[in-house]
Amino acid sequence: MSPQSAVSSVPAIASGTHRHPEKLSDLLERLAREAGDRVSMREIANALDDRSFGAFLLVFALPNLIPLPPGATMVLGLPMVFVAWQMVIGLQKVWLPKALANYTVDRATFQRMVSRVSPWLRSAETWVRPRNWPLDGPILERLFGLFALILAVTCVLPIPFGNWLPALAVAVLGVAHTERDGNCLALGVITGLVSVLVAGLVVFATGALLFRLF
């Protein structure tokens, strides 16, 4: 097989290479099959390519959906800010600090993780799929990142009962970006706008109450 044929036979991952990118479940299962003795976070990010933003937004949003002690979201929300900011400044894929990028798990552990996550992903992929994706240019991608950044910052702010909904919106947007699903994107945007409105109302009501008290 010629080098050109070998290259063309590799499944496309980036959205710009294929109209319908490889499903996330297929990508992770392929990575698990082809992995060496250990798998690093850098390898996973490289495999996800430009879809790494959505995947990491989803991963970092999930802990914020679990009931946590007051103030915990101020810490757990920071990784979402970190990822969203990289989209705003125009990076093509997630940049990870060296210590995190070099973090590895052994192949057997990674395969077990994929085997547990894959059925859930395949179930989600029955209704989340590449369709009606509007963010084809760098400007629109940056606007997506800016919206995700606003939601991530909202999660970090100490707003009573104001963190869960924006975290949910970030998670939905992460799924939408990873799978290039415009319908899921619309759902995430609506959820995000509602969450920002709710957070704004909470801040306004709290400020009005404090003003009356003092």
C-alpha atoms as a PDB file:
ATOM      1  CA  MET A   1       0.000   0.000   0.000  1.00  0.00           C
ATOM      2  CA  SER A   2       1.380   3.434  -0.939  1.00  0.00           C
ATOM      3  CA  PRO A   3       1.817   6.123   1.748  1.00  0.00           C
ATOM      4  CA  GLN A   4      -0.956   8.123   0.125  1.00  0.00           C
ATOM      5  CA  SER A   5      -3.345   5.149   0.317  1.00  0.00           C
ATOM      6  CA  ALA A   6      -2.390   4.484   3.921  1.00  0.00           C
ATOM      7  CA  VAL A   7      -3.115   8.049   4.893  1.00  0.00           C
ATOM      8  CA  SER A   8      -6.447   8.064   3.090  1.00  0.00           C
ATOM      9  CA  SER A   9      -7.502   4.871   4.862  1.00  0.00           C
ATOM     10  CA  VAL A  10      -7.203   6.423   8.313  1.00  0.00           C
ATOM     11  CA  PRO A  11     -10.666   7.442   9.617  1.00  0.00           C
ATOM     12  CA  ALA A  12     -11.128  11.180   9.623  1.00  0.00           C
ATOM     13  CA  ILE A  13     -11.562  12.759  13.022  1.00  0.00           C
ATOM     14  CA  ALA A  14     -11.558  16.459  12.420  1.00  0.00           C
ATOM     15  CA  SER A  15     -14.818  17.993  11.354  1.00  0.00           C
ATOM     16  CA  GLY A  16     -13.218  19.714   8.433  1.00  0.00           C
ATOM     17  CA  THR A  17     -12.050  16.390   6.953  1.00  0.00           C
ATOM     18  CA  HIS A  18     -15.400  14.623   6.941  1.00  0.00           C
ATOM     19  CA  ARG A  19     -18.922  15.931   6.820  1.00  0.00           C
ATOM     20  CA  HIS A  20     -19.901  13.217   9.310  1.00  0.00           C
ATOM     21  CA  PRO A  21     -17.028  12.715  11.791  1.00  0.00           C
ATOM     22  CA  GLU A  22     -16.284   9.408  13.440  1.00  0.00           C
ATOM     23  CA  LYS A  23     -18.604   8.698  16.348  1.00  0.00           C
ATOM     24  CA  LEU A  24     -17.047   9.331  19.726  1.00  0.00           C
ATOM     25  CA  SER A  25     -17.781   5.760  20.863  1.00  0.00           C
ATOM     26  CA  ASP A  26     -16.057   4.350  17.752  1.00  0.00           C
ATOM     27  CA  LEU A  27     -13.109   6.698  18.221  1.00  0.00           C
ATOM     28  CA  LEU A  28     -12.562   5.690  21.859  1.00  0.00           C
ATOM     29  CA  GLU A  29     -12.939   1.969  21.076  1.00  0.00           C
ATOM     30  CA  ARG A  30     -10.431   2.278  18.221  1.00  0.00           C
ATOM     31  CA  LEU A  31      -8.009   4.147  20.473  1.00  0.00           C
ATOM     32  CA  ALA A  32      -8.370   1.417  23.112  1.00  0.00           C
ATOM     33  CA  ARG A  33      -7.649  -1.291  20.527  1.00  0.00           C
ATOM     34  CA  GLU A  34      -4.618   0.475  19.063  1.00  0.00           C
ATOM     35  CA  ALA A  35      -3.179   1.789  22.340  1.00  0.00           C
ATOM     36  CA  GLY A  36       0.309   0.965  23.526  1.00  0.00           C
ATOM     37  CA  ASP A  37       1.196  -0.197  27.015  1.00  0.00           C
ATOM     38  CA  ARG A  38       0.029   3.135  28.455  1.00  0.00           C
ATOM     39  CA  VAL A  39      -2.309   5.876  27.221  1.00  0.00           C
ATOM     40  CA  SER A  40      -1.623   9.535  27.952  1.00  0.00           C
ATOM     41  CA  MET A  41      -4.032  12.452  28.153  1.00  0.00           C
ATOM     42  CA  ARG A  42      -2.064  13.981  25.259  1.00  0.00           C
ATOM     43  CA  GLU A  43      -2.852  10.965  23.054  1.00  0.00           C
ATOM     44  CA  ILE A  44      -6.552  11.205  23.885  1.00  0.00           C
ATOM     45  CA  ALA A  45      -6.605  14.949  23.152  1.00  0.00           C
ATOM     46  CA  ASN A  46      -4.747  14.403  19.862  1.00  0.00           C
ATOM     47  CA  ALA A  47      -7.176  11.654  18.850  1.00  0.00           C
ATOM     48  CA  LEU A  48     -10.134  13.925  19.541  1.00  0.00           C
ATOM     49  CA  ASP A  49      -8.409  16.700  17.544  1.00  0.00           C
ATOM     50  CA  ASP A  50     -10.676  19.757  17.128  1.00  0.00           C
ATOM     51  CA  ARG A  51     -13.483  17.932  18.955  1.00  0.00           C
ATOM     52  CA  SER A  52     -11.377  17.810  22.107  1.00  0.00           C
ATOM     53  CA  PHE A  53     -12.960  21.085  23.243  1.00  0.00           C
ATOM     54  CA  GLY A  54     -16.452  19.603  23.425  1.00  0.00           C
ATOM     55  CA  ALA A  55     -15.244  16.390  25.044  1.00  0.00           C
ATOM     56  CA  PHE A  56     -13.290  18.192  27.772  1.00  0.00           C
ATOM     57  CA  LEU A  57     -16.119  20.678  28.389  1.00  0.00           C
ATOM     58  CA  LEU A  58     -18.409  17.693  28.962  1.00  0.00           C
ATOM     59  CA  VAL A  59     -15.927  15.921  31.240  1.00  0.00           C
ATOM     60  CA  PHE A  60     -15.295  19.043  33.353  1.00  0.00           C
ATOM     61  CA  ALA A  61     -19.005  19.976  33.512  1.00  0.00           C
ATOM     62  CA  LEU A  62     -20.154  16.607  34.892  1.00  0.00           C
ATOM     63  CA  PRO A  63     -18.711  17.020  38.442  1.00  0.00           C
ATOM     64  CA  ASN A  64     -20.609  20.302  38.748  1.00  0.00           C
ATOM     65  CA  LEU A  65     -23.905  18.451  38.235  1.00  0.00           C
ATOM     66  CA  ILE A  66     -23.398  16.467  41.438  1.00  0.00           C
ATOM     67  CA  PRO A  67     -24.626  17.976  44.754  1.00  0.00           C
ATOM     68  CA  LEU A  68     -21.515  19.431  46.361  1.00  0.00           C
ATOM     69  CA  PRO A  69     -20.623  21.466  49.480  1.00  0.00           C
ATOM     70  CA  PRO A  70     -20.903  25.265  49.120  1.00  0.00           C
ATOM     71  CA  GLY A  71     -17.886  26.722  47.339  1.00  0.00           C
ATOM     72  CA  ALA A  72     -16.868  23.491  45.592  1.00  0.00           C
ATOM     73  CA  THR A  73     -18.018  24.776  42.205  1.00  0.00           C
ATOM     74  CA  MET A  74     -15.550  27.666  42.521  1.00  0.00           C
ATOM     75  CA  VAL A  75     -12.813  25.051  42.123  1.00  0.00           C
ATOM     76  CA  LEU A  76     -14.521  22.508  39.870  1.00  0.00           C
ATOM     77  CA  GLY A  77     -15.711  25.202  37.475  1.00  0.00           C
ATOM     78  CA  LEU A  78     -12.207  26.510  36.749  1.00  0.00           C
ATOM     79  CA  PRO A  79     -11.275  23.727  34.264  1.00  0.00           C
ATOM     80  CA  MET A  80     -14.321  24.697  32.164  1.00  0.00           C
ATOM     81  CA  VAL A  81     -13.084  28.300  32.141  1.00  0.00           C
ATOM     82  CA  PHE A  82      -9.644  27.010  31.117  1.00  0.00           C
ATOM     83  CA  VAL A  83     -11.032  25.055  28.127  1.00  0.00           C
ATOM     84  CA  ALA A  84     -13.548  27.675  26.986  1.00  0.00           C
ATOM     85  CA  TRP A  85     -10.897  30.426  27.068  1.00  0.00           C
ATOM     86  CA  GLN A  86      -8.746  28.408  24.661  1.00  0.00           C
ATOM     87  CA  MET A  87     -11.635  28.371  22.185  1.00  0.00           C
ATOM     88  CA  VAL A  88     -12.043  32.142  22.524  1.00  0.00           C
ATOM     89  CA  ILE A  89      -8.384  32.808  21.680  1.00  0.00           C
ATOM     90  CA  GLY A  90      -8.608  30.514  18.659  1.00  0.00           C
ATOM     91  CA  LEU A  91      -6.664  27.370  19.554  1.00  0.00           C
ATOM     92  CA  GLN A  92      -7.412  24.426  17.262  1.00  0.00           C
ATOM     93  CA  LYS A  93      -7.535  21.833  20.039  1.00  0.00           C
ATOM     94  CA  VAL A  94      -7.233  21.712  23.798  1.00  0.00           C
ATOM     95  CA  TRP A  95      -3.828  22.583  25.226  1.00  0.00           C
ATOM     96  CA  LEU A  96      -3.013  20.730  28.421  1.00  0.00           C
ATOM     97  CA  PRO A  97      -0.317  21.627  30.959  1.00  0.00           C
ATOM     98  CA  LYS A  98       2.675  19.309  30.647  1.00  0.00           C
ATOM     99  CA  ALA A  99       1.978  17.470  33.895  1.00  0.00           C
ATOM    100  CA  LEU A 100      -1.614  16.747  32.859  1.00  0.00           C
ATOM    101  CA  ALA A 101      -0.744  15.968  29.243  1.00  0.00           C
ATOM    102  CA  ASN A 102       1.862  13.422  30.367  1.00  0.00           C
ATOM    103  CA  TYR A 103      -0.495  11.716  32.815  1.00  0.00           C
ATOM    104  CA  THR A 104      -1.018   8.127  31.703  1.00  0.00           C
ATOM    105  CA  VAL A 105      -3.106   5.080  32.533  1.00  0.00           C
ATOM    106  CA  ASP A 106      -2.210   1.532  31.602  1.00  0.00           C
ATOM    107  CA  ARG A 107      -3.878  -0.004  28.563  1.00  0.00           C
ATOM    108  CA  ALA A 108      -6.034  -2.447  30.555  1.00  0.00           C
ATOM    109  CA  THR A 109      -7.407   0.354  32.749  1.00  0.00           C
ATOM    110  CA  PHE A 110      -8.169   2.526  29.721  1.00  0.00           C
ATOM    111  CA  GLN A 111      -9.919  -0.364  27.983  1.00  0.00           C
ATOM    112  CA  ARG A 112     -12.065  -0.976  31.081  1.00  0.00           C
ATOM    113  CA  MET A 113     -12.983   2.716  31.179  1.00  0.00           C
ATOM    114  CA  VAL A 114     -13.960   2.677  27.514  1.00  0.00           C
ATOM    115  CA  SER A 115     -15.959  -0.537  27.902  1.00  0.00           C
ATOM    116  CA  ARG A 116     -18.005   1.087  30.680  1.00  0.00           C
ATOM    117  CA  VAL A 117     -18.540   4.414  28.919  1.00  0.00           C
ATOM    118  CA  SER A 118     -19.117   3.083  25.402  1.00  0.00           C
ATOM    119  CA  PRO A 119     -22.623   1.608  25.966  1.00  0.00           C
ATOM    120  CA  TRP A 120     -23.812   4.934  27.392  1.00  0.00           C
ATOM    121  CA  LEU A 121     -22.278   6.821  24.469  1.00  0.00           C
ATOM    122  CA  ARG A 122     -23.861   4.495  21.927  1.00  0.00           C
ATOM    123  CA  SER A 123     -27.227   4.984  23.592  1.00  0.00           C
ATOM    124  CA  ALA A 124     -26.808   8.769  23.423  1.00  0.00           C
ATOM    125  CA  GLU A 125     -25.674   8.553  19.814  1.00  0.00           C
ATOM    126  CA  THR A 126     -29.050   7.159  18.805  1.00  0.00           C
ATOM    127  CA  TRP A 127     -30.442  10.679  19.150  1.00  0.00           C
ATOM    128  CA  VAL A 128     -27.290  12.844  19.134  1.00  0.00           C
ATOM    129  CA  ARG A 129     -25.670  12.690  15.711  1.00  0.00           C
ATOM    130  CA  PRO A 130     -23.972  14.965  13.143  1.00  0.00           C
ATOM    131  CA  ARG A 131     -26.681  17.230  11.684  1.00  0.00           C
ATOM    132  CA  ASN A 132     -27.439  20.906  11.002  1.00  0.00           C
ATOM    133  CA  TRP A 133     -24.046  22.000  12.356  1.00  0.00           C
ATOM    134  CA  PRO A 134     -23.714  25.797  11.885  1.00  0.00           C
ATOM    135  CA  LEU A 135     -20.261  26.487  13.396  1.00  0.00           C
ATOM    136  CA  ASP A 136     -18.087  25.983  10.327  1.00  0.00           C
ATOM    137  CA  GLY A 137     -15.887  29.084  10.586  1.00  0.00           C
ATOM    138  CA  PRO A 138     -13.339  30.261  13.180  1.00  0.00           C
ATOM    139  CA  ILE A 139     -15.425  33.305  14.153  1.00  0.00           C
ATOM    140  CA  LEU A 140     -18.463  31.166  14.993  1.00  0.00           C
ATOM    141  CA  GLU A 141     -16.253  28.724  16.904  1.00  0.00           C
ATOM    142  CA  ARG A 142     -14.918  31.624  18.980  1.00  0.00           C
ATOM    143  CA  LEU A 143     -18.454  32.857  19.655  1.00  0.00           C
ATOM    144  CA  PHE A 144     -19.308  29.336  20.832  1.00  0.00           C
ATOM    145  CA  GLY A 145     -16.262  29.471  23.106  1.00  0.00           C
ATOM    146  CA  LEU A 146     -17.275  32.895  24.426  1.00  0.00           C
ATOM    147  CA  PHE A 147     -20.757  31.638  25.302  1.00  0.00           C
ATOM    148  CA  ALA A 148     -19.273  28.568  27.005  1.00  0.00           C
ATOM    149  CA  LEU A 149     -16.862  30.866  28.875  1.00  0.00           C
ATOM    150  CA  ILE A 150     -19.735  33.022  30.166  1.00  0.00           C
ATOM    151  CA  LEU A 151     -21.504  29.893  31.407  1.00  0.00           C
ATOM    152  CA  ALA A 152     -18.308  28.535  32.967  1.00  0.00           C
ATOM    153  CA  VAL A 153     -17.686  31.819  34.802  1.00  0.00           C
ATOM    154  CA  THR A 154     -21.298  31.730  36.012  1.00  0.00           C
ATOM    155  CA  CYS A 155     -20.588  28.288  37.477  1.00  0.00           C
ATOM    156  CA  VAL A 156     -17.542  29.628  39.322  1.00  0.00           C
ATOM    157  CA  LEU A 157     -19.333  32.626  40.831  1.00  0.00           C
ATOM    158  CA  PRO A 158     -20.743  32.048  44.341  1.00  0.00           C
ATOM    159  CA  ILE A 159     -24.361  32.450  43.265  1.00  0.00           C
ATOM    160  CA  PRO A 160     -26.862  30.545  45.459  1.00  0.00           C
ATOM    161  CA  PHE A 161     -28.556  27.824  43.372  1.00  0.00           C
ATOM    162  CA  GLY A 162     -27.060  29.446  40.271  1.00  0.00           C
ATOM    163  CA  ASN A 163     -24.423  26.891  39.300  1.00  0.00           C
ATOM    164  CA  TRP A 164     -26.228  23.688  38.352  1.00  0.00           C
ATOM    165  CA  LEU A 165     -28.125  24.976  35.312  1.00  0.00           C
ATOM    166  CA  PRO A 166     -25.117  26.606  33.569  1.00  0.00           C
ATOM    167  CA  ALA A 167     -23.094  23.438  34.209  1.00  0.00           C
ATOM    168  CA  LEU A 168     -25.872  21.436  32.557  1.00  0.00           C
ATOM    169  CA  ALA A 169     -25.808  23.848  29.613  1.00  0.00           C
ATOM    170  CA  VAL A 170     -22.026  23.427  29.266  1.00  0.00           C
ATOM    171  CA  ALA A 171     -22.431  19.636  29.326  1.00  0.00           C
ATOM    172  CA  VAL A 172     -25.074  19.784  26.560  1.00  0.00           C
ATOM    173  CA  LEU A 173     -22.905  22.153  24.522  1.00  0.00           C
ATOM    174  CA  GLY A 174     -19.964  19.799  25.003  1.00  0.00           C
ATOM    175  CA  VAL A 175     -21.959  16.877  23.614  1.00  0.00           C
ATOM    176  CA  ALA A 176     -23.193  19.029  20.732  1.00  0.00           C
ATOM    177  CA  HIS A 177     -19.676  20.174  19.812  1.00  0.00           C
ATOM    178  CA  THR A 178     -18.226  16.683  20.034  1.00  0.00           C
ATOM    179  CA  GLU A 179     -20.903  15.122  17.837  1.00  0.00           C
ATOM    180  CA  ARG A 180     -21.471  18.182  15.589  1.00  0.00           C
ATOM    181  CA  ASP A 181     -25.202  18.128  16.365  1.00  0.00           C
ATOM    182  CA  GLY A 182     -26.900  21.442  15.582  1.00  0.00           C
ATOM    183  CA  ASN A 183     -30.148  20.388  17.264  1.00  0.00           C
ATOM    184  CA  CYS A 184     -28.296  19.580  20.485  1.00  0.00           C
ATOM    185  CA  LEU A 185     -26.448  22.889  20.122  1.00  0.00           C
ATOM    186  CA  ALA A 186     -29.775  24.755  20.018  1.00  0.00           C
ATOM    187  CA  LEU A 187     -30.883  22.952  23.193  1.00  0.00           C
ATOM    188  CA  GLY A 188     -27.624  23.886  24.915  1.00  0.00           C
ATOM    189  CA  VAL A 189     -27.904  27.530  23.867  1.00  0.00           C
ATOM    190  CA  ILE A 190     -31.493  27.761  25.150  1.00  0.00           C
ATOM    191  CA  THR A 191     -30.510  26.112  28.434  1.00  0.00           C
ATOM    192  CA  GLY A 192     -27.541  28.433  28.710  1.00  0.00           C
ATOM    193  CA  LEU A 193     -29.565  31.579  28.105  1.00  0.00           C
ATOM    194  CA  VAL A 194     -32.124  30.494  30.711  1.00  0.00           C
ATOM    195  CA  SER A 195     -29.325  29.757  33.194  1.00  0.00           C
ATOM    196  CA  VAL A 196     -27.741  33.193  32.698  1.00  0.00           C
ATOM    197  CA  LEU A 197     -31.170  34.813  33.154  1.00  0.00           C
ATOM    198  CA  VAL A 198     -31.810  32.848  36.347  1.00  0.00           C
ATOM    199  CA  ALA A 199     -28.345  33.696  37.706  1.00  0.00           C
ATOM    200  CA  GLY A 200     -28.927  37.367  36.884  1.00  0.00           C
ATOM    201  CA  LEU A 201     -32.264  37.367  38.671  1.00  0.00           C
ATOM    202  CA  VAL A 202     -30.714  35.717  41.730  1.00  0.00           C
ATOM    203  CA  VAL A 203     -27.933  38.326  41.836  1.00  0.00           C
ATOM    204  CA  PHE A 204     -30.447  41.158  41.370  1.00  0.00           C
ATOM    205  CA  ALA A 205     -32.772  39.815  44.086  1.00  0.00           C
ATOM    206  CA  THR A 206     -29.868  39.263  46.479  1.00  0.00           C
ATOM    207  CA  GLY A 207     -28.548  42.765  45.839  1.00  0.00           C
ATOM    208  CA  ALA A 208     -32.008  44.291  46.356  1.00  0.00           C
ATOM    209  CA  LEU A 209     -32.407  42.392  49.641  1.00  0.00           C
ATOM    210  CA  LEU A 210     -28.995  43.476  50.925  1.00  0.00           C
ATOM    211  CA  PHE A 211     -29.756  47.071  49.921  1.00  0.00           C
ATOM    212  CA  ARG A 212     -32.979  47.030  51.948  1.00  0.00           C
ATOM    213  CA  LEU A 213     -31.257  45.461  54.942  1.00  0.00           C
ATOM    214  CA  PHE A 214     -28.339  47.872  55.023  1.00  0.00           C
END
